Amino acid sequence: MLAVICAAQFMLVLDVTVVNVALPDMAAELHLGRTAMTWAVTAYTLCFGGLMLLGGRLADALGARRTLLAGLTVFTAASLVSGLAGSAPVLLGGRVAQGLGAALLSPAALSLVTTSFHGAARNRALGVWAAIGGTGSAIGVLVGGALTGGPGWSWVFYVNVPVGLALLAAVPVLVPPRAPQPAAARLDAPGAVLVTGGTGALIYGLVEAGDGGWSAPATLLPLIAAVVLYAGFAAVERVAREPLMDLRMFTRRPVLAGAFLMLIATGLLIAFFFLGSVYLQHVRGFGALRTGLVFLPVAVAVGAGAHLGARLVTSVGSRATAVGGMVIATAGCVPPARIGADTSVYGVLLPGLAVAAFGLGAVFVTATTTALGMVAHEEAGLASGVVNTFHEVGGSIGVAVVSTVAAAGIGGAPGTVTGFADAFLVCAVAAGGCAAVSAVLVPRGKPETGGAMPVH
């Protein structure tokens, strides 16, 4: 049962990074501009993160296995549509549907893991679940390069179809049903629509700034709309009988710190994959497989940093680990911030990104353990939902920001390097700023990790 559930989750994590390597080939065949390329990445993570809490409530109301099967069905069908896409609207529609399926599947899967195992077996099962994130990111860049360089970019989506069909057959046999919770029948659909719409408007405004500038109506109006929608979300959550997100959780300093760290760390890491993939293939002429191989050490460095961070956070504390990780990430961003058309990939870009990713790996662990290990056990579920949401939304915002900063290089003629160095400089500034804020915001204490539920 655990293998089946984790295989389903693995597909979702894989899809966050696998598309980045395939993006230049996808853009060339479908004639995607910079904006469409950006949305090809962010549409998935936006819907995944924005609707995840609603998916968790549906799992309680309808039953976790039923919700998992529904999410798996939507994700598999959407993968087929994305692979068959012959135009930008079809591709983006498929990516939105993939995000919807993921938002149903992931919280239902985690719910099944946490309720089906007990005692020491539960801790081992959650350890396996937590490991899915690092391995999925690492394998995603390699699989994306191999499939794009081999049968073509469509196969980064097609590969989900046979796996999804096999899981749809296996889940009813191996995963026992769980009775719905009648008290969870009230769903905060308005809250889900408002927070997802607000984040979508924010990303749209950030992306448009790359073409029209920050003072253009196409930039300002969506940003203003985002503020209004977020305010509406906060108002709805205060009066809802079963709020999607208990905003009082943000009065818990550990949860606020964990959400902040997760937002910045995920935004930086996904931005690295996005920028690096476009730079290597658009500017330097690398193939997709070679690009995937270049990024493999970067993805592995995240896992190594997380392994070290897990030890440090319980020995030197959350604040020291978070600040140290972000200082390392800042230092790693400095060499890529000076890249040009002839900069050594293996002597400058790759080492810099690997060092930065190593630091971010420690920050990911700190974010999770701080948010979940420093609150009461009965609040761990709510805190987990908050941190999971910021994990996905962070990736969307990070890609939108660096896409705008590097607009000239992404939308320019092949070989154009303008903007990439500036985008990596923004990453360095963000990491340095996060280190400074962490020195004040993150608690000094050492979290208790034994009962915490990990994010993916």
Protein backbone atom coordinates (compact mmCIF):
# COMPACT_ATOMS: atom_id res chain seq x y z
CA MET A 1 0.00 0.00 0.00
CA LEU A 2 2.78 2.42 0.90
CA ALA A 3 4.58 1.71 -2.38
CA VAL A 4 1.42 2.48 -4.38
CA ILE A 5 0.68 5.70 -2.50
CA CYS A 6 4.28 6.92 -2.74
CA ALA A 7 4.43 6.07 -6.46
CA ALA A 8 1.43 8.34 -7.02
CA GLN A 9 3.06 11.15 -5.03
CA PHE A 10 6.33 10.61 -6.89
CA MET A 11 4.62 11.44 -10.20
CA LEU A 12 3.43 14.77 -8.82
CA VAL A 13 6.86 15.78 -7.50
CA LEU A 14 8.55 14.66 -10.70
CA ASP A 15 6.29 16.93 -12.74
CA VAL A 16 7.56 20.05 -10.97
CA THR A 17 11.11 19.71 -12.36
CA VAL A 18 10.76 17.43 -15.39
CA VAL A 19 9.07 20.14 -17.46
CA ASN A 20 11.86 22.68 -16.92
CA VAL A 21 14.36 20.64 -18.93
CA ALA A 22 11.84 20.02 -21.73
CA LEU A 23 10.76 23.67 -21.87
CA PRO A 24 13.03 24.97 -24.69
CA ASP A 25 12.07 22.09 -27.05
CA MET A 26 8.43 22.55 -26.10
CA ALA A 27 8.64 26.27 -26.81
CA ALA A 28 10.29 25.75 -30.21
CA GLU A 29 7.67 23.26 -31.42
CA LEU A 30 4.60 25.03 -30.04
CA HIS A 31 5.94 28.57 -30.71
CA LEU A 32 5.71 29.56 -27.05
CA GLY A 33 6.81 33.04 -26.10
CA ARG A 34 8.36 33.93 -22.77
CA THR A 35 4.97 34.40 -21.10
CA ALA A 36 3.63 31.03 -22.25
CA MET A 37 6.88 29.32 -21.22
CA THR A 38 6.54 30.79 -17.76
CA TRP A 39 2.93 29.68 -17.42
CA ALA A 40 3.83 26.16 -18.58
CA VAL A 41 5.72 25.85 -15.28
CA THR A 42 3.64 28.03 -12.97
CA ALA A 43 0.14 26.89 -14.00
CA TYR A 44 0.81 23.49 -12.47
CA THR A 45 2.33 24.65 -9.19
CA LEU A 46 -0.24 27.45 -8.86
CA CYS A 47 -3.24 25.12 -9.00
CA PHE A 48 -1.43 22.45 -6.99
CA GLY A 49 -0.68 24.84 -4.13
CA GLY A 50 -3.78 27.02 -4.33
CA LEU A 51 -6.24 24.12 -4.22
CA MET A 52 -4.31 21.73 -1.97
CA LEU A 53 -6.09 22.70 1.24
CA LEU A 54 -9.46 22.27 -0.46
CA GLY A 55 -8.28 18.84 -1.64
CA GLY A 56 -7.47 17.93 1.95
CA ARG A 57 -10.96 18.90 3.05
CA LEU A 58 -12.46 16.85 0.22
CA ALA A 59 -10.43 13.86 1.37
CA ASP A 60 -12.03 14.20 4.81
CA ALA A 61 -15.52 14.76 3.42
CA LEU A 62 -15.58 12.11 0.68
CA GLY A 63 -13.02 9.62 1.93
CA ALA A 64 -9.28 9.64 1.29
CA ARG A 65 -9.20 6.69 -1.13
CA ARG A 66 -12.05 8.06 -3.23
CA THR A 67 -10.39 11.48 -3.44
CA LEU A 68 -7.03 9.90 -4.29
CA LEU A 69 -8.63 7.95 -7.16
CA ALA A 70 -10.37 11.10 -8.43
CA GLY A 71 -7.11 13.06 -8.35
CA LEU A 72 -5.22 10.24 -10.03
CA THR A 73 -7.83 10.05 -12.80
CA VAL A 74 -7.70 13.80 -13.45
CA PHE A 75 -3.90 13.90 -13.35
CA THR A 76 -3.53 10.96 -15.75
CA ALA A 77 -6.05 12.34 -18.25
CA ALA A 78 -4.50 15.81 -18.03
CA SER A 79 -1.05 14.33 -18.70
CA LEU A 80 -2.35 12.77 -21.89
CA VAL A 81 -3.89 16.09 -22.98
CA SER A 82 -0.63 17.94 -22.24
CA GLY A 83 1.38 15.44 -24.28
CA LEU A 84 -0.99 15.72 -27.24
CA ALA A 85 -1.02 19.53 -27.11
CA GLY A 86 -0.44 21.22 -30.43
CA SER A 87 -0.83 24.78 -29.17
CA ALA A 88 -0.16 26.89 -26.10
CA PRO A 89 -3.80 27.05 -24.88
CA VAL A 90 -4.15 23.25 -24.92
CA LEU A 91 -0.82 22.79 -23.14
CA LEU A 92 -1.64 25.34 -20.45
CA GLY A 93 -5.11 23.87 -20.00
CA GLY A 94 -3.55 20.46 -19.50
CA ARG A 95 -1.12 21.88 -16.95
CA VAL A 96 -3.95 23.53 -15.01
CA ALA A 97 -5.82 20.21 -14.94
CA GLN A 98 -2.67 18.42 -13.81
CA GLY A 99 -2.42 20.86 -10.90
CA LEU A 100 -6.07 20.22 -10.00
CA GLY A 101 -5.48 16.46 -10.00
CA ALA A 102 -2.36 16.88 -7.88
CA ALA A 103 -4.24 19.05 -5.37
CA LEU A 104 -6.76 16.23 -4.90
CA LEU A 105 -4.23 13.40 -4.88
CA SER A 106 -1.43 14.66 -2.63
CA PRO A 107 -3.31 15.50 0.60
CA ALA A 108 -5.42 12.36 0.25
CA ALA A 109 -2.27 10.27 -0.10
CA LEU A 110 -0.64 11.85 2.96
CA SER A 111 -3.87 11.34 4.92
CA LEU A 112 -3.81 7.63 4.07
CA VAL A 113 -0.19 7.31 5.14
CA THR A 114 -0.75 9.03 8.49
CA THR A 115 -3.91 7.06 9.34
CA SER A 116 -2.95 3.61 8.05
CA PHE A 117 0.28 3.23 10.01
CA HIS A 118 0.89 3.50 13.73
CA GLY A 119 3.81 3.76 16.13
CA ALA A 120 7.24 3.04 14.72
CA ALA A 121 5.74 1.91 11.40
CA ARG A 122 4.13 5.33 11.00
CA ASN A 123 7.45 7.12 11.51
CA ARG A 124 9.12 4.87 8.93
CA ALA A 125 6.28 5.44 6.46
CA LEU A 126 6.52 9.21 6.90
CA GLY A 127 10.28 8.98 6.40
CA VAL A 128 9.73 7.27 3.06
CA TRP A 129 7.17 9.94 2.14
CA ALA A 130 9.60 12.74 3.00
CA ALA A 131 12.33 11.14 0.86
CA ILE A 132 10.07 11.33 -2.20
CA GLY A 133 10.67 15.09 -2.51
CA GLY A 134 14.44 14.97 -2.88
CA THR A 135 14.55 11.91 -5.12
CA GLY A 136 11.73 13.26 -7.29
CA SER A 137 13.58 16.51 -7.94
CA ALA A 138 16.85 14.72 -8.70
CA ILE A 139 15.34 12.12 -11.00
CA GLY A 140 13.05 14.71 -12.62
CA VAL A 141 15.87 16.64 -14.26
CA LEU A 142 17.47 13.44 -15.57
CA VAL A 143 14.19 11.92 -16.80
CA GLY A 144 13.21 15.20 -18.44
CA GLY A 145 16.50 15.36 -20.31
CA ALA A 146 16.43 11.69 -21.37
CA LEU A 147 12.84 11.78 -22.62
CA THR A 148 13.16 15.12 -24.39
CA GLY A 149 16.45 14.15 -25.99
CA GLY A 150 15.01 10.76 -26.98
CA PRO A 151 11.37 10.31 -28.03
CA GLY A 152 10.56 14.01 -27.55
CA TRP A 153 9.15 16.49 -25.04
CA SER A 154 5.62 15.02 -25.22
CA TRP A 155 6.91 11.97 -23.38
CA VAL A 156 7.54 13.90 -20.19
CA PHE A 157 3.73 13.85 -20.01
CA TYR A 158 3.01 10.55 -21.76
CA VAL A 159 5.11 8.64 -19.22
CA ASN A 160 2.51 9.47 -16.56
CA VAL A 161 -0.28 7.73 -18.46
CA PRO A 162 0.72 4.03 -18.13
CA VAL A 163 1.89 4.65 -14.56
CA GLY A 164 -1.39 6.37 -13.73
CA LEU A 165 -3.47 3.56 -15.26
CA ALA A 166 -1.49 0.94 -13.33
CA LEU A 167 -2.02 2.84 -10.09
CA LEU A 168 -5.75 3.24 -10.79
CA ALA A 169 -5.94 -0.56 -11.01
CA ALA A 170 -3.80 -1.14 -7.92
CA VAL A 171 -5.29 1.39 -5.48
CA PRO A 172 -8.73 -0.26 -5.09
CA VAL A 173 -7.01 -3.59 -4.41
CA LEU A 174 -4.22 -2.51 -2.06
CA VAL A 175 -5.55 0.62 -0.32
CA PRO A 176 -8.43 0.09 2.11
CA PRO A 177 -11.27 2.64 2.14
CA ARG A 178 -11.59 5.09 4.99
CA ALA A 179 -14.96 6.34 6.17
CA PRO A 180 -15.67 10.04 5.40
CA GLN A 181 -15.91 12.49 8.29
CA PRO A 182 -19.41 14.01 8.37
CA ALA A 183 -18.12 17.10 10.19
CA ALA A 184 -15.89 17.86 7.21
CA ALA A 185 -18.77 18.14 4.76
CA ARG A 186 -18.67 21.94 4.78
CA LEU A 187 -16.17 23.00 2.14
CA ASP A 188 -14.72 26.50 1.90
CA ALA A 189 -14.92 26.77 -1.90
CA PRO A 190 -15.00 30.61 -1.87
CA GLY A 191 -11.74 30.65 0.07
CA ALA A 192 -10.09 28.30 -2.43
CA VAL A 193 -11.23 30.40 -5.39
CA LEU A 194 -10.06 33.67 -3.80
CA VAL A 195 -6.59 32.50 -2.76
CA THR A 196 -5.94 30.74 -6.08
CA GLY A 197 -7.27 33.70 -8.05
CA GLY A 198 -5.17 36.11 -6.00
CA THR A 199 -1.99 34.13 -6.60
CA GLY A 200 -2.83 33.79 -10.29
CA ALA A 201 -3.32 37.56 -10.59
CA LEU A 202 -0.04 38.16 -8.76
CA ILE A 203 1.87 35.87 -11.13
CA TYR A 204 0.18 37.38 -14.19
CA GLY A 205 1.20 40.88 -13.11
CA LEU A 206 4.78 39.80 -12.41
CA VAL A 207 5.09 38.13 -15.80
CA GLU A 208 3.57 41.08 -17.67
CA ALA A 209 6.09 43.43 -16.07
CA GLY A 210 8.79 41.79 -18.19
CA ASP A 211 7.15 43.05 -21.38
CA GLY A 212 5.33 46.27 -20.46
CA GLY A 213 7.26 47.50 -17.42
CA TRP A 214 6.13 47.96 -13.84
CA SER A 215 3.99 51.03 -14.54
CA ALA A 216 1.99 49.51 -17.40
CA PRO A 217 -1.75 48.92 -16.79
CA ALA A 218 -1.30 45.25 -17.75
CA THR A 219 1.08 44.97 -14.79
CA LEU A 220 -0.58 47.22 -12.21
CA LEU A 221 -4.18 46.05 -12.62
CA PRO A 222 -3.44 42.34 -11.93
CA LEU A 223 -1.24 43.28 -8.96
CA ILE A 224 -4.02 45.44 -7.53
CA ALA A 225 -6.49 42.62 -8.18
CA ALA A 226 -4.20 40.24 -6.28
CA VAL A 227 -4.24 42.52 -3.23
CA VAL A 228 -8.05 42.77 -3.36
CA LEU A 229 -8.48 39.00 -3.75
CA TYR A 230 -6.09 38.26 -0.88
CA ALA A 231 -7.98 40.73 1.31
CA GLY A 232 -11.23 39.03 0.35
CA PHE A 233 -9.70 35.66 1.22
CA ALA A 234 -8.68 36.92 4.67
CA ALA A 235 -12.19 38.29 5.27
CA VAL A 236 -13.84 35.03 4.19
CA GLU A 237 -11.56 32.92 6.37
CA ARG A 238 -12.41 34.98 9.46
CA VAL A 239 -16.15 34.26 9.18
CA ALA A 240 -16.17 30.78 7.61
CA ARG A 241 -17.43 28.00 9.89
CA GLU A 242 -14.81 25.62 8.45
CA PRO A 243 -12.09 27.91 7.06
CA LEU A 244 -9.76 26.59 4.42
CA MET A 245 -6.77 28.10 6.23
CA ASP A 246 -6.90 29.11 9.87
CA LEU A 247 -5.17 32.49 9.66
CA ARG A 248 -4.55 32.38 13.39
CA MET A 249 -1.80 29.86 12.58
CA PHE A 250 0.28 32.80 11.36
CA THR A 251 0.30 34.16 14.90
CA ARG A 252 2.40 31.09 15.74
CA ARG A 253 5.95 32.28 15.15
CA PRO A 254 7.26 28.82 14.15
CA VAL A 255 4.55 28.43 11.49
CA LEU A 256 5.13 31.92 10.10
CA ALA A 257 8.88 31.31 9.98
CA GLY A 258 8.47 27.91 8.35
CA ALA A 259 6.09 29.24 5.71
CA PHE A 260 8.45 32.15 4.93
CA LEU A 261 11.48 29.88 4.59
CA MET A 262 9.57 27.43 2.41
CA LEU A 263 8.30 30.21 0.13
CA ILE A 264 11.77 31.67 -0.50
CA ALA A 265 13.65 28.36 -0.71
CA THR A 266 11.21 26.79 -3.18
CA GLY A 267 11.07 29.97 -5.25
CA LEU A 268 14.86 30.01 -5.53
CA LEU A 269 15.27 26.32 -6.34
CA ILE A 270 12.62 26.19 -9.08
CA ALA A 271 13.97 29.48 -10.45
CA PHE A 272 17.42 27.84 -10.72
CA PHE A 273 16.04 24.98 -12.81
CA PHE A 274 14.01 27.34 -15.01
CA LEU A 275 16.79 29.87 -15.63
CA GLY A 276 19.52 27.27 -15.99
CA SER A 277 17.57 25.15 -18.46
CA VAL A 278 16.75 28.10 -20.72
CA TYR A 279 20.30 29.48 -20.49
CA LEU A 280 21.99 26.16 -21.28
CA GLN A 281 19.72 25.29 -24.20
CA HIS A 282 18.82 28.73 -25.60
CA VAL A 283 22.17 30.48 -25.12
CA ARG A 284 24.77 27.72 -24.99
CA GLY A 285 23.11 25.26 -27.38
CA PHE A 286 23.09 22.28 -25.02
CA GLY A 287 20.77 19.37 -25.77
CA ALA A 288 18.06 18.34 -23.33
CA LEU A 289 19.86 15.20 -22.13
CA ARG A 290 23.11 17.08 -21.53
CA THR A 291 21.16 19.75 -19.64
CA GLY A 292 19.57 17.10 -17.44
CA LEU A 293 22.97 15.62 -16.65
CA VAL A 294 24.35 19.09 -15.79
CA PHE A 295 21.53 19.62 -13.31
CA LEU A 296 21.76 16.22 -11.68
CA PRO A 297 24.53 17.31 -9.22
CA VAL A 298 22.44 20.35 -8.34
CA ALA A 299 19.45 18.19 -7.46
CA VAL A 300 21.64 15.74 -5.52
CA ALA A 301 23.13 18.70 -3.59
CA VAL A 302 19.63 19.53 -2.31
CA GLY A 303 19.37 16.06 -0.78
CA ALA A 304 22.86 16.31 0.74
CA GLY A 305 22.03 19.69 2.25
CA ALA A 306 18.77 18.33 3.65
CA HIS A 307 20.62 15.41 5.24
CA LEU A 308 23.08 17.76 6.96
CA GLY A 309 20.31 20.20 7.86
CA ALA A 310 18.34 17.47 9.62
CA ARG A 311 21.31 16.93 11.92
CA LEU A 312 22.10 20.60 12.47
CA VAL A 313 18.56 21.71 13.26
CA THR A 314 18.46 19.37 16.26
CA SER A 315 21.97 20.25 17.43
CA VAL A 316 22.50 23.98 16.81
CA GLY A 317 18.84 24.97 16.42
CA SER A 318 16.50 26.27 13.74
CA ARG A 319 17.76 29.85 13.50
CA ALA A 320 21.44 29.00 13.02
CA THR A 321 20.60 26.36 10.42
CA ALA A 322 18.25 28.64 8.47
CA VAL A 323 20.65 31.58 8.47
CA GLY A 324 23.64 29.39 7.59
CA GLY A 325 21.75 27.68 4.77
CA MET A 326 20.67 30.98 3.25
CA VAL A 327 24.16 32.48 3.56
CA ILE A 328 25.51 29.46 1.65
CA ALA A 329 22.75 29.89 -0.95
CA THR A 330 23.67 33.57 -1.32
CA ALA A 331 27.32 32.71 -1.87
CA GLY A 332 26.36 30.08 -4.44
CA CYS A 333 24.30 32.58 -6.42
CA VAL A 334 27.21 35.02 -6.83
CA PRO A 335 29.13 33.17 -9.62
CA PRO A 336 25.99 32.66 -11.81
CA ALA A 337 25.20 36.36 -11.32
CA ARG A 338 28.29 37.11 -13.45
CA ILE A 339 27.60 34.71 -16.32
CA GLY A 340 28.04 35.69 -19.95
CA ALA A 341 27.81 34.00 -23.30
CA ASP A 342 31.18 32.25 -22.82
CA THR A 343 31.16 31.61 -19.07
CA SER A 344 32.35 28.13 -18.10
CA VAL A 345 29.33 25.95 -17.33
CA TYR A 346 31.31 23.38 -15.36
CA GLY A 347 33.70 25.83 -13.70
CA VAL A 348 31.27 28.61 -12.73
CA LEU A 349 27.57 27.95 -13.27
CA LEU A 350 27.33 24.34 -12.08
CA PRO A 351 29.48 24.74 -8.92
CA GLY A 352 27.64 27.92 -7.98
CA LEU A 353 24.18 26.38 -8.35
CA ALA A 354 25.26 23.20 -6.55
CA VAL A 355 26.53 25.21 -3.57
CA ALA A 356 23.32 27.28 -3.51
CA ALA A 357 21.18 24.14 -3.73
CA PHE A 358 23.13 22.57 -0.86
CA GLY A 359 22.27 25.54 1.33
CA LEU A 360 18.62 25.44 0.26
CA GLY A 361 18.40 21.76 1.17
CA ALA A 362 19.20 22.64 4.78
CA VAL A 363 16.61 25.43 4.67
CA PHE A 364 13.88 23.06 3.44
CA VAL A 365 14.40 20.80 6.44
CA THR A 366 14.49 23.79 8.78
CA ALA A 367 11.24 25.15 7.36
CA THR A 368 9.42 21.86 7.83
CA THR A 369 10.76 20.94 11.26
CA THR A 370 10.33 24.47 12.63
CA ALA A 371 6.72 24.79 11.51
CA LEU A 372 5.69 21.30 12.58
CA GLY A 373 8.05 20.50 15.44
CA MET A 374 7.48 23.66 17.48
CA VAL A 375 3.68 23.61 17.61
CA ALA A 376 1.28 21.40 19.52
CA HIS A 377 0.76 17.97 17.99
CA GLU A 378 -2.95 18.65 17.47
CA GLU A 379 -2.00 21.64 15.29
CA ALA A 380 0.52 19.74 13.14
CA GLY A 381 -2.06 18.99 10.45
CA LEU A 382 -3.00 22.66 10.03
CA ALA A 383 0.64 23.73 10.04
CA SER A 384 1.49 21.06 7.46
CA GLY A 385 -1.22 22.37 5.14
CA VAL A 386 0.10 25.93 5.42
CA VAL A 387 3.71 24.93 4.69
CA ASN A 388 2.68 22.64 1.81
CA THR A 389 0.74 25.50 0.21
CA PHE A 390 3.68 27.89 0.46
CA HIS A 391 5.92 25.19 -1.02
CA GLU A 392 3.97 25.07 -4.28
CA VAL A 393 3.09 28.77 -4.48
CA GLY A 394 6.73 29.69 -3.87
CA GLY A 395 7.78 27.86 -7.02
CA SER A 396 5.21 29.76 -9.08
CA ILE A 397 6.26 33.16 -7.78
CA GLY A 398 9.97 32.42 -8.13
CA VAL A 399 9.68 31.45 -11.79
CA ALA A 400 7.47 34.48 -12.53
CA VAL A 401 9.97 36.90 -10.99
CA VAL A 402 13.11 35.56 -12.70
CA SER A 403 11.27 35.22 -16.01
CA THR A 404 10.49 38.93 -15.89
CA VAL A 405 14.03 39.95 -14.91
CA ALA A 406 15.58 37.74 -17.62
CA ALA A 407 12.93 38.65 -20.21
CA ALA A 408 15.42 39.95 -22.79
CA GLY A 409 17.44 36.75 -22.69
CA ILE A 410 14.47 34.36 -22.69
CA GLY A 411 12.60 36.12 -25.47
CA GLY A 412 15.62 37.19 -27.50
CA ALA A 413 17.44 35.54 -30.37
CA PRO A 414 19.32 32.28 -29.70
CA GLY A 415 22.59 33.05 -27.98
CA THR A 416 21.29 36.19 -26.26
CA VAL A 417 22.55 36.29 -22.67
CA THR A 418 21.07 39.63 -21.58
CA GLY A 419 19.08 39.38 -18.37
CA PHE A 420 20.27 36.01 -17.06
CA ALA A 421 23.00 37.51 -14.87
CA ASP A 422 20.51 40.04 -13.50
CA ALA A 423 18.04 37.25 -12.68
CA PHE A 424 20.66 35.29 -10.75
CA LEU A 425 21.62 38.52 -8.97
CA VAL A 426 17.99 38.89 -7.86
CA CYS A 427 18.21 35.33 -6.51
CA ALA A 428 21.33 36.26 -4.56
CA VAL A 429 19.63 39.34 -3.10
CA ALA A 430 16.54 37.31 -2.16
CA ALA A 431 18.66 34.66 -0.44
CA GLY A 432 20.67 37.30 1.42
CA GLY A 433 17.52 39.12 2.47
CA CYS A 434 16.00 35.86 3.69
CA ALA A 435 19.13 35.20 5.77
CA ALA A 436 18.78 38.61 7.41
CA VAL A 437 15.07 38.15 8.14
CA SER A 438 15.67 34.61 9.42
CA ALA A 439 18.13 35.93 11.99
CA VAL A 440 15.18 37.71 13.60
CA LEU A 441 12.09 35.68 12.64
CA VAL A 442 13.16 32.05 13.09
CA PRO A 443 13.04 30.82 16.72
CA ARG A 444 16.31 29.83 18.37
CA GLY A 445 14.93 26.60 19.76
CA LYS A 446 15.41 23.02 18.63
CA PRO A 447 12.24 21.43 17.19
CA GLU A 448 10.87 18.09 18.25
CA THR A 449 10.74 16.17 14.99
CA GLY A 450 9.33 12.88 16.18
CA GLY A 451 5.65 13.62 15.57
CA ALA A 452 5.89 16.10 12.73
CA MET A 453 4.28 15.41 9.40
CA PRO A 454 6.72 16.21 6.58
CA VAL A 455 5.85 18.14 3.48
CA HIS A 456 6.77 16.58 0.15
